[in-house]
PDB file of all heavy atoms in Angstrom:
ATOM      1  N   GLN A   1      97.275  92.835  72.508  1.00  0.00           N
ATOM      2  CA  GLN A   1      97.001  91.393  72.320  1.00  0.00           C
ATOM      3  C   GLN A   1      98.149  90.578  72.948  1.00  0.00           C
ATOM      4  O   GLN A   1      97.910  89.598  73.572  1.00  0.00           O
ATOM      5  CB  GLN A   1      96.893  91.084  70.857  1.00  0.00           C
ATOM      6  CG  GLN A   1      95.531  91.568  70.288  1.00  0.00           C
ATOM      7  CD  GLN A   1      95.484  91.324  68.814  1.00  0.00           C
ATOM      8  OE1 GLN A   1      96.416  91.130  68.082  1.00  0.00           O
ATOM      9  NE2 GLN A   1      94.183  91.327  68.248  1.00  0.00           N
ATOM     10  N   GLN A   2      99.366  91.040  72.823  1.00  0.00           N
ATOM     11  CA  GLN A   2     100.543  90.355  73.372  1.00  0.00           C
ATOM     12  C   GLN A   2     100.451  90.412  74.891  1.00  0.00           C
ATOM     13  O   GLN A   2     100.718  89.425  75.579  1.00  0.00           O
ATOM     14  CB  GLN A   2     101.856  90.986  72.875  1.00  0.00           C
ATOM     15  CG  GLN A   2     102.106  90.748  71.430  1.00  0.00           C
ATOM     16  CD  GLN A   2     103.331  91.479  70.912  1.00  0.00           C
ATOM     17  OE1 GLN A   2     103.890  92.245  71.704  1.00  0.00           O
ATOM     18  NE2 GLN A   2     103.687  91.254  69.690  1.00  0.00           N
ATOM     19  N   VAL A   3     100.009  91.568  75.433  1.00  0.00           N
ATOM     20  CA  VAL A   3      99.925  91.658  76.895  1.00  0.00           C
ATOM     21  C   VAL A   3      98.799  90.727  77.428  1.00  0.00           C
ATOM     22  O   VAL A   3      98.956  89.998  78.406  1.00  0.00           O
ATOM     23  CB  VAL A   3      99.613  93.151  77.293  1.00  0.00           C
ATOM     24  CG1 VAL A   3      99.138  93.251  78.773  1.00  0.00           C
ATOM     25  CG2 VAL A   3     100.776  94.057  77.091  1.00  0.00           C
ATOM     26  N   VAL A   4      97.682  90.643  76.683  1.00  0.00           N
ATOM     27  CA  VAL A   4      96.565  89.781  77.119  1.00  0.00           C
ATOM     28  C   VAL A   4      97.020  88.335  77.049  1.00  0.00           C
ATOM     29  O   VAL A   4      96.743  87.548  78.001  1.00  0.00           O
ATOM     30  CB  VAL A   4      95.337  89.978  76.171  1.00  0.00           C
ATOM     31  CG1 VAL A   4      94.328  88.895  76.349  1.00  0.00           C
ATOM     32  CG2 VAL A   4      94.732  91.366  76.433  1.00  0.00           C
ATOM     33  N   VAL A   5      97.759  87.967  75.990  1.00  0.00           N
ATOM     34  CA  VAL A   5      98.276  86.589  75.928  1.00  0.00           C
ATOM     35  C   VAL A   5      99.220  86.271  77.093  1.00  0.00           C
ATOM     36  O   VAL A   5      99.151  85.273  77.719  1.00  0.00           O
ATOM     37  CB  VAL A   5      98.976  86.348  74.591  1.00  0.00           C
ATOM     38  CG1 VAL A   5      99.732  84.996  74.583  1.00  0.00           C
ATOM     39  CG2 VAL A   5      97.907  86.299  73.432  1.00  0.00           C
ATOM     40  N   SER A   6     100.099  87.252  77.415  1.00  0.00           N
ATOM     41  CA  SER A   6     100.987  87.079  78.512  1.00  0.00           C
ATOM     42  C   SER A   6     100.227  86.967  79.818  1.00  0.00           C
ATOM     43  O   SER A   6     100.630  86.039  80.666  1.00  0.00           O
ATOM     44  CB  SER A   6     101.951  88.235  78.565  1.00  0.00           C
ATOM     45  OG  SER A   6     102.797  88.208  79.646  1.00  0.00           O
ATOM     46  N   ILE A   7      99.231  87.758  80.087  1.00  0.00           N
ATOM     47  CA  ILE A   7      98.453  87.696  81.297  1.00  0.00           C
ATOM     48  C   ILE A   7      97.764  86.323  81.355  1.00  0.00           C
ATOM     49  O   ILE A   7      97.686  85.710  82.395  1.00  0.00           O
ATOM     50  CB  ILE A   7      97.447  88.838  81.328  1.00  0.00           C
ATOM     51  CG1 ILE A   7      98.208  90.169  81.570  1.00  0.00           C
ATOM     52  CG2 ILE A   7      96.414  88.618  82.412  1.00  0.00           C
ATOM     53  CD1 ILE A   7      97.301  91.368  81.505  1.00  0.00           C
ATOM     54  N   GLN A   8      97.191  85.872  80.226  1.00  0.00           N
ATOM     55  CA  GLN A   8      96.471  84.610  80.201  1.00  0.00           C
ATOM     56  C   GLN A   8      97.466  83.519  80.564  1.00  0.00           C
ATOM     57  O   GLN A   8      97.154  82.551  81.271  1.00  0.00           O
ATOM     58  CB  GLN A   8      95.865  84.343  78.806  1.00  0.00           C
ATOM     59  CG  GLN A   8      94.651  85.110  78.612  1.00  0.00           C
ATOM     60  CD  GLN A   8      94.141  84.915  77.150  1.00  0.00           C
ATOM     61  OE1 GLN A   8      94.783  84.587  76.244  1.00  0.00           O
ATOM     62  NE2 GLN A   8      92.781  85.230  76.958  1.00  0.00           N
ATOM     63  N   THR A   9      98.708  83.556  80.057  1.00  0.00           N
ATOM     64  CA  THR A   9      99.698  82.516  80.245  1.00  0.00           C
ATOM     65  C   THR A   9     100.004  82.535  81.843  1.00  0.00           C
ATOM     66  O   THR A   9     100.130  81.471  82.411  1.00  0.00           O
ATOM     67  CB  THR A   9     101.020  82.810  79.489  1.00  0.00           C
ATOM     68  OG1 THR A   9     100.613  82.809  78.124  1.00  0.00           O
ATOM     69  CG2 THR A   9     102.013  81.751  79.759  1.00  0.00           C
ATOM     70  N   HIS A  10     100.235  83.714  82.380  1.00  0.00           N
ATOM     71  CA  HIS A  10     100.531  83.819  83.845  1.00  0.00           C
ATOM     72  C   HIS A  10      99.337  83.276  84.634  1.00  0.00           C
ATOM     73  O   HIS A  10      99.531  82.554  85.629  1.00  0.00           O
ATOM     74  CB  HIS A  10     100.835  85.223  84.203  1.00  0.00           C
ATOM     75  CG  HIS A  10     102.171  85.708  83.796  1.00  0.00           C
ATOM     76  ND1 HIS A  10     103.372  85.209  84.271  1.00  0.00           N
ATOM     77  CD2 HIS A  10     102.533  86.599  82.890  1.00  0.00           C
ATOM     78  CE1 HIS A  10     104.412  85.767  83.716  1.00  0.00           C
ATOM     79  NE2 HIS A  10     103.968  86.602  82.833  1.00  0.00           N
ATOM     80  N   ILE A  11      98.153  83.553  84.267  1.00  0.00           N
ATOM     81  CA  ILE A  11      97.000  83.093  84.953  1.00  0.00           C
ATOM     82  C   ILE A  11      96.923  81.553  84.881  1.00  0.00           C
ATOM     83  O   ILE A  11      96.687  80.886  85.938  1.00  0.00           O
ATOM     84  CB  ILE A  11      95.693  83.757  84.457  1.00  0.00           C
ATOM     85  CG1 ILE A  11      95.636  85.260  84.810  1.00  0.00           C
ATOM     86  CG2 ILE A  11      94.470  82.994  84.996  1.00  0.00           C
ATOM     87  CD1 ILE A  11      94.514  85.975  84.267  1.00  0.00           C
ATOM     88  N   ASP A  12      97.160  80.995  83.690  1.00  0.00           N
ATOM     89  CA  ASP A  12      97.060  79.578  83.491  1.00  0.00           C
ATOM     90  C   ASP A  12      98.178  78.916  84.336  1.00  0.00           C
ATOM     91  O   ASP A  12      97.912  77.897  84.976  1.00  0.00           O
ATOM     92  CB  ASP A  12      97.289  79.194  82.035  1.00  0.00           C
ATOM     93  CG  ASP A  12      96.048  79.591  81.162  1.00  0.00           C
ATOM     94  OD1 ASP A  12      95.002  79.858  81.775  1.00  0.00           O
ATOM     95  OD2 ASP A  12      96.184  79.619  79.998  1.00  0.00           O
ATOM     96  N   LYS A  13      99.395  79.467  84.400  1.00  0.00           N
ATOM     97  CA  LYS A  13     100.456  78.854  85.166  1.00  0.00           C
ATOM     98  C   LYS A  13     100.078  78.958  86.645  1.00  0.00           C
ATOM     99  O   LYS A  13     100.383  77.969  87.404  1.00  0.00           O
ATOM    100  CB  LYS A  13     101.756  79.585  84.874  1.00  0.00           C
ATOM    101  CG  LYS A  13     102.362  79.271  83.572  1.00  0.00           C
ATOM    102  CD  LYS A  13     103.721  79.959  83.365  1.00  0.00           C
ATOM    103  CE  LYS A  13     104.279  79.619  82.076  1.00  0.00           C
ATOM    104  NZ  LYS A  13     105.558  80.387  81.781  1.00  0.00           N
ATOM    105  N   GLY A  14      99.483  80.058  87.042  1.00  0.00           N
ATOM    106  CA  GLY A  14      99.102  80.201  88.462  1.00  0.00           C
ATOM    107  C   GLY A  14      97.989  79.151  88.814  1.00  0.00           C
ATOM    108  O   GLY A  14      98.074  78.598  89.928  1.00  0.00           O
ATOM    109  N   ILE A  15      97.018  78.975  87.962  1.00  0.00           N
ATOM    110  CA  ILE A  15      95.999  78.019  88.234  1.00  0.00           C
ATOM    111  C   ILE A  15      96.603  76.579  88.215  1.00  0.00           C
ATOM    112  O   ILE A  15      96.246  75.849  89.120  1.00  0.00           O
ATOM    113  CB  ILE A  15      94.936  78.079  87.111  1.00  0.00           C
ATOM    114  CG1 ILE A  15      94.111  79.399  87.278  1.00  0.00           C
ATOM    115  CG2 ILE A  15      93.982  76.837  87.145  1.00  0.00           C
ATOM    116  CD1 ILE A  15      93.194  79.679  86.143  1.00  0.00           C
ATOM    117  N   GLU A  16      97.503  76.273  87.343  1.00  0.00           N
ATOM    118  CA  GLU A  16      98.192  74.982  87.356  1.00  0.00           C
ATOM    119  C   GLU A  16      98.927  74.738  88.646  1.00  0.00           C
ATOM    120  O   GLU A  16      98.878  73.662  89.289  1.00  0.00           O
ATOM    121  CB  GLU A  16      99.074  74.779  86.138  1.00  0.00           C
ATOM    122  CG  GLU A  16      98.371  74.668  84.841  1.00  0.00           C
ATOM    123  CD  GLU A  16      99.303  74.673  83.627  1.00  0.00           C
ATOM    124  OE1 GLU A  16     100.568  74.713  83.827  1.00  0.00           O
ATOM    125  OE2 GLU A  16      98.794  74.594  82.485  1.00  0.00           O
ATOM    126  N   LYS A  17      99.637  75.794  89.090  1.00  0.00           N
ATOM    127  CA  LYS A  17     100.375  75.683  90.401  1.00  0.00           C
ATOM    128  C   LYS A  17      99.480  75.460  91.555  1.00  0.00           C
ATOM    129  O   LYS A  17      99.708  74.699  92.386  1.00  0.00           O
ATOM    130  CB  LYS A  17     101.253  76.942  90.562  1.00  0.00           C
ATOM    131  CG  LYS A  17     102.072  76.955  91.752  1.00  0.00           C
ATOM    132  CD  LYS A  17     102.909  78.231  91.867  1.00  0.00           C
ATOM    133  CE  LYS A  17     103.695  78.199  93.134  1.00  0.00           C
ATOM    134  NZ  LYS A  17     104.385  79.451  93.314  1.00  0.00           N
ATOM    135  N   ASP A  18      98.337  76.250  91.547  1.00  0.00           N
ATOM    136  CA  ASP A  18      97.323  76.139  92.610  1.00  0.00           C
ATOM    137  C   ASP A  18      96.802  74.722  92.631  1.00  0.00           C
ATOM    138  O   ASP A  18      96.606  74.071  93.700  1.00  0.00           O
ATOM    139  CB  ASP A  18      96.234  77.102  92.508  1.00  0.00           C
ATOM    140  CG  ASP A  18      96.722  78.524  92.839  1.00  0.00           C
ATOM    141  OD1 ASP A  18      97.768  78.666  93.438  1.00  0.00           O
ATOM    142  OD2 ASP A  18      95.968  79.486  92.534  1.00  0.00           O
ATOM    143  N   ILE A  19      96.478  74.167  91.496  1.00  0.00           N
ATOM    144  CA  ILE A  19      95.887  72.827  91.385  1.00  0.00           C
ATOM    145  C   ILE A  19      96.879  71.795  91.932  1.00  0.00           C
ATOM    146  O   ILE A  19      96.484  70.936  92.688  1.00  0.00           O
ATOM    147  CB  ILE A  19      95.478  72.509  89.922  1.00  0.00           C
ATOM    148  CG1 ILE A  19      94.246  73.299  89.536  1.00  0.00           C
ATOM    149  CG2 ILE A  19      95.181  70.958  89.761  1.00  0.00           C
ATOM    150  CD1 ILE A  19      93.903  73.231  88.061  1.00  0.00           C
ATOM    151  N   ALA A  20      98.204  71.925  91.541  1.00  0.00           N
ATOM    152  CA  ALA A  20      99.183  70.980  92.071  1.00  0.00           C
ATOM    153  C   ALA A  20      99.291  71.104  93.551  1.00  0.00           C
ATOM    154  O   ALA A  20      99.415  70.062  94.266  1.00  0.00           O
ATOM    155  CB  ALA A  20     100.519  71.307  91.396  1.00  0.00           C
ATOM    156  N   GLU A  21      99.245  72.375  94.081  1.00  0.00           N
ATOM    157  CA  GLU A  21      99.319  72.508  95.581  1.00  0.00           C
ATOM    158  C   GLU A  21      98.093  71.891  96.277  1.00  0.00           C
ATOM    159  O   GLU A  21      98.209  71.236  97.288  1.00  0.00           O
ATOM    160  CB  GLU A  21      99.418  73.991  95.929  1.00  0.00           C
ATOM    161  CG  GLU A  21     100.756  74.572  95.539  1.00  0.00           C
ATOM    162  CD  GLU A  21     100.745  76.074  95.817  1.00  0.00           C
ATOM    163  OE1 GLU A  21      99.783  76.653  96.266  1.00  0.00           O
ATOM    164  OE2 GLU A  21     101.814  76.655  95.576  1.00  0.00           O
ATOM    165  N   HIS A  22      96.902  72.094  95.681  1.00  0.00           N
ATOM    166  CA  HIS A  22      95.683  71.480  96.242  1.00  0.00           C
ATOM    167  C   HIS A  22      95.741  69.983  96.178  1.00  0.00           C
ATOM    168  O   HIS A  22      95.331  69.307  97.151  1.00  0.00           O
ATOM    169  CB  HIS A  22      94.439  72.021  95.549  1.00  0.00           C
ATOM    170  CG  HIS A  22      94.165  73.435  95.888  1.00  0.00           C
ATOM    171  ND1 HIS A  22      93.910  73.898  97.112  1.00  0.00           N
ATOM    172  CD2 HIS A  22      94.011  74.548  95.116  1.00  0.00           C
ATOM    173  CE1 HIS A  22      93.664  75.191  97.143  1.00  0.00           C
ATOM    174  NE2 HIS A  22      93.732  75.610  95.856  1.00  0.00           N
ATOM    175  N   LYS A  23      96.249  69.418  95.108  1.00  0.00           N
ATOM    176  CA  LYS A  23      96.372  67.950  95.011  1.00  0.00           C
ATOM    177  C   LYS A  23      97.321  67.463  96.095  1.00  0.00           C
ATOM    178  O   LYS A  23      97.003  66.427  96.753  1.00  0.00           O
ATOM    179  CB  LYS A  23      96.916  67.582  93.614  1.00  0.00           C
ATOM    180  CG  LYS A  23      95.865  67.631  92.567  1.00  0.00           C
ATOM    181  CD  LYS A  23      96.485  67.155  91.211  1.00  0.00           C
ATOM    182  CE  LYS A  23      95.552  67.163  90.060  1.00  0.00           C
ATOM    183  NZ  LYS A  23      96.096  66.635  88.782  1.00  0.00           N
ATOM    184  N   LEU A  24      98.424  68.132  96.304  1.00  0.00           N
ATOM    185  CA  LEU A  24      99.382  67.735  97.318  1.00  0.00           C
ATOM    186  C   LEU A  24      98.712  67.858  98.682  1.00  0.00           C
ATOM    187  O   LEU A  24      98.843  66.928  99.579  1.00  0.00           O
ATOM    188  CB  LEU A  24     100.656  68.627  97.291  1.00  0.00           C
ATOM    189  CG  LEU A  24     101.767  68.259  98.266  1.00  0.00           C
ATOM    190  CD1 LEU A  24     102.276  66.847  97.950  1.00  0.00           C
ATOM    191  CD2 LEU A  24     102.867  69.242  98.093  1.00  0.00           C
ATOM    192  N   ASP A  25      97.980  68.902  98.947  1.00  0.00           N
ATOM    193  CA  ASP A  25      97.249  69.072 100.237  1.00  0.00           C
ATOM    194  C   ASP A  25      96.257  67.958 100.420  1.00  0.00           C
ATOM    195  O   ASP A  25      96.174  67.384 101.532  1.00  0.00           O
ATOM    196  CB  ASP A  25      96.535  70.388 100.272  1.00  0.00           C
ATOM    197  CG  ASP A  25      97.477  71.677 100.391  1.00  0.00           C
ATOM    198  OD1 ASP A  25      98.666  71.383 100.755  1.00  0.00           O
ATOM    199  OD2 ASP A  25      97.081  72.758 100.175  1.00  0.00           O
ATOM    200  N   ILE A  26      95.486  67.587  99.376  1.00  0.00           N
ATOM    201  CA  ILE A  26      94.506  66.560  99.485  1.00  0.00           C
ATOM    202  C   ILE A  26      95.191  65.217  99.793  1.00  0.00           C
ATOM    203  O   ILE A  26      94.747  64.390 100.595  1.00  0.00           O
ATOM    204  CB  ILE A  26      93.646  66.505  98.243  1.00  0.00           C
ATOM    205  CG1 ILE A  26      92.721  67.690  98.160  1.00  0.00           C
ATOM    206  CG2 ILE A  26      92.851  65.209  98.166  1.00  0.00           C
ATOM    207  CD1 ILE A  26      92.034  67.837  96.807  1.00  0.00           C
ATOM    208  N   LYS A  27      96.317  64.966  99.104  1.00  0.00           N
ATOM    209  CA  LYS A  27      97.025  63.728  99.319  1.00  0.00           C
ATOM    210  C   LYS A  27      97.554  63.637 100.783  1.00  0.00           C
ATOM    211  O   LYS A  27      97.429  62.662 101.410  1.00  0.00           O
ATOM    212  CB  LYS A  27      98.263  63.717  98.366  1.00  0.00           C
ATOM    213  CG  LYS A  27      99.103  62.421  98.533  1.00  0.00           C
ATOM    214  CD  LYS A  27     100.260  62.494  97.459  1.00  0.00           C
ATOM    215  CE  LYS A  27     101.130  61.244  97.629  1.00  0.00           C
ATOM    216  NZ  LYS A  27     102.335  61.302  96.736  1.00  0.00           N
ATOM    217  N   ASN A  28      98.057  64.757 101.330  1.00  0.00           N
ATOM    218  CA  ASN A  28      98.534  64.756 102.680  1.00  0.00           C
ATOM    219  C   ASN A  28      97.356  64.575 103.614  1.00  0.00           C
ATOM    220  O   ASN A  28      97.487  63.884 104.643  1.00  0.00           O
ATOM    221  CB  ASN A  28      99.213  66.146 102.957  1.00  0.00           C
ATOM    222  CG  ASN A  28     100.549  66.207 102.263  1.00  0.00           C
ATOM    223  OD1 ASN A  28     101.164  65.215 101.921  1.00  0.00           O
ATOM    224  ND2 ASN A  28     101.039  67.420 102.034  1.00  0.00           N
ATOM    225  N   LEU A  29      96.226  65.237 103.303  1.00  0.00           N
ATOM    226  CA  LEU A  29      94.973  65.012 104.173  1.00  0.00           C
ATOM    227  C   LEU A  29      94.537  63.543 104.169  1.00  0.00           C
ATOM    228  O   LEU A  29      94.183  62.996 105.235  1.00  0.00           O
ATOM    229  CB  LEU A  29      93.926  65.960 103.721  1.00  0.00           C
ATOM    230  CG  LEU A  29      94.097  67.428 104.057  1.00  0.00           C
ATOM    231  CD1 LEU A  29      93.061  68.287 103.442  1.00  0.00           C
ATOM    232  CD2 LEU A  29      94.153  67.644 105.566  1.00  0.00           C
ATOM    233  N   TYR A  30      94.590  62.903 102.993  1.00  0.00           N
ATOM    234  CA  TYR A  30      94.206  61.493 102.953  1.00  0.00           C
ATOM    235  C   TYR A  30      95.188  60.654 103.759  1.00  0.00           C
ATOM    236  O   TYR A  30      94.708  59.724 104.475  1.00  0.00           O
ATOM    237  CB  TYR A  30      94.181  60.986 101.473  1.00  0.00           C
ATOM    238  CG  TYR A  30      92.861  61.299 100.768  1.00  0.00           C
ATOM    239  CD1 TYR A  30      92.885  61.892  99.529  1.00  0.00           C
ATOM    240  CD2 TYR A  30      91.659  60.852 101.297  1.00  0.00           C
ATOM    241  CE1 TYR A  30      91.672  62.133  98.884  1.00  0.00           C
ATOM    242  CE2 TYR A  30      90.488  61.028 100.608  1.00  0.00           C
ATOM    243  CZ  TYR A  30      90.471  61.722  99.391  1.00  0.00           C
ATOM    244  OH  TYR A  30      89.314  61.899  98.720  1.00  0.00           O
ATOM    245  N   GLN A  31      96.437  60.966 103.647  1.00  0.00           N
ATOM    246  CA  GLN A  31      97.398  60.207 104.476  1.00  0.00           C
ATOM    247  C   GLN A  31      97.230  60.418 105.979  1.00  0.00           C
ATOM    248  O   GLN A  31      97.226  59.452 106.750  1.00  0.00           O
ATOM    249  CB  GLN A  31      98.897  60.637 104.082  1.00  0.00           C
ATOM    250  CG  GLN A  31      99.303  60.178 102.722  1.00  0.00           C
ATOM    251  CD  GLN A  31     100.630  60.751 102.298  1.00  0.00           C
ATOM    252  OE1 GLN A  31     101.193  61.635 103.009  1.00  0.00           O
ATOM    253  NE2 GLN A  31     101.182  60.249 101.208  1.00  0.00           N
ATOM    254  N   ARG A  32      96.941  61.685 106.347  1.00  0.00           N
ATOM    255  CA  ARG A  32      96.640  61.919 107.740  1.00  0.00           C
ATOM    256  C   ARG A  32      95.382  61.202 108.262  1.00  0.00           C
ATOM    257  O   ARG A  32      95.360  60.708 109.284  1.00  0.00           O
ATOM    258  CB  ARG A  32      96.472  63.379 107.992  1.00  0.00           C
ATOM    259  CG  ARG A  32      97.767  64.151 108.294  1.00  0.00           C
ATOM    260  CD  ARG A  32      97.500  65.556 108.692  1.00  0.00           C
ATOM    261  NE  ARG A  32      96.968  65.728 110.000  1.00  0.00           N
ATOM    262  CZ  ARG A  32      96.618  66.878 110.422  1.00  0.00           C
ATOM    263  NH1 ARG A  32      96.519  67.976 109.688  1.00  0.00           N
ATOM    264  NH2 ARG A  32      96.202  66.981 111.693  1.00  0.00           N
ATOM    265  N   THR A  33      94.402  61.216 107.324  1.00  0.00           N
ATOM    266  CA  THR A  33      93.122  60.576 107.652  1.00  0.00           C
ATOM    267  C   THR A  33      93.361  59.063 107.855  1.00  0.00           C
ATOM    268  O   THR A  33      92.789  58.482 108.745  1.00  0.00           O
ATOM    269  CB  THR A  33      92.025  60.790 106.525  1.00  0.00           C
ATOM    270  OG1 THR A  33      91.869  62.204 106.363  1.00  0.00           O
ATOM    271  CG2 THR A  33      90.737  60.128 106.856  1.00  0.00           C
ATOM    272  N   GLY A  34      94.158  58.488 106.940  1.00  0.00           N
ATOM    273  CA  GLY A  34      94.511  57.059 107.092  1.00  0.00           C
ATOM    274  C   GLY A  34      95.205  56.803 108.411  1.00  0.00           C
ATOM    275  O   GLY A  34      94.868  55.817 109.091  1.00  0.00           O
ATOM    276  N   ARG A  35      96.227  57.612 108.764  1.00  0.00           N
ATOM    277  CA  ARG A  35      96.904  57.435 109.986  1.00  0.00           C
ATOM    278  C   ARG A  35      96.023  57.542 111.207  1.00  0.00           C
ATOM    279  O   ARG A  35      96.021  56.807 112.127  1.00  0.00           O
ATOM    280  CB  ARG A  35      98.075  58.424 110.087  1.00  0.00           C
ATOM    281  CG  ARG A  35      99.330  58.092 109.313  1.00  0.00           C
ATOM    282  CD  ARG A  35     100.513  58.801 109.777  1.00  0.00           C
ATOM    283  NE  ARG A  35     100.208  60.286 109.692  1.00  0.00           N
ATOM    284  CZ  ARG A  35     100.571  61.138 108.737  1.00  0.00           C
ATOM    285  NH1 ARG A  35     101.191  60.616 107.625  1.00  0.00           N
ATOM    286  NH2 ARG A  35     100.387  62.408 108.787  1.00  0.00           N
TER     287      ARG A  35
END
């Protein structure tokens, strides 16, 4: 159970990091589109 919780935490952190990277990519694309 502790291992599963740890894995879930790592997955959640990875998803949050991916979401932040995608948001940054989208923001950059919008800026490029505007330019």
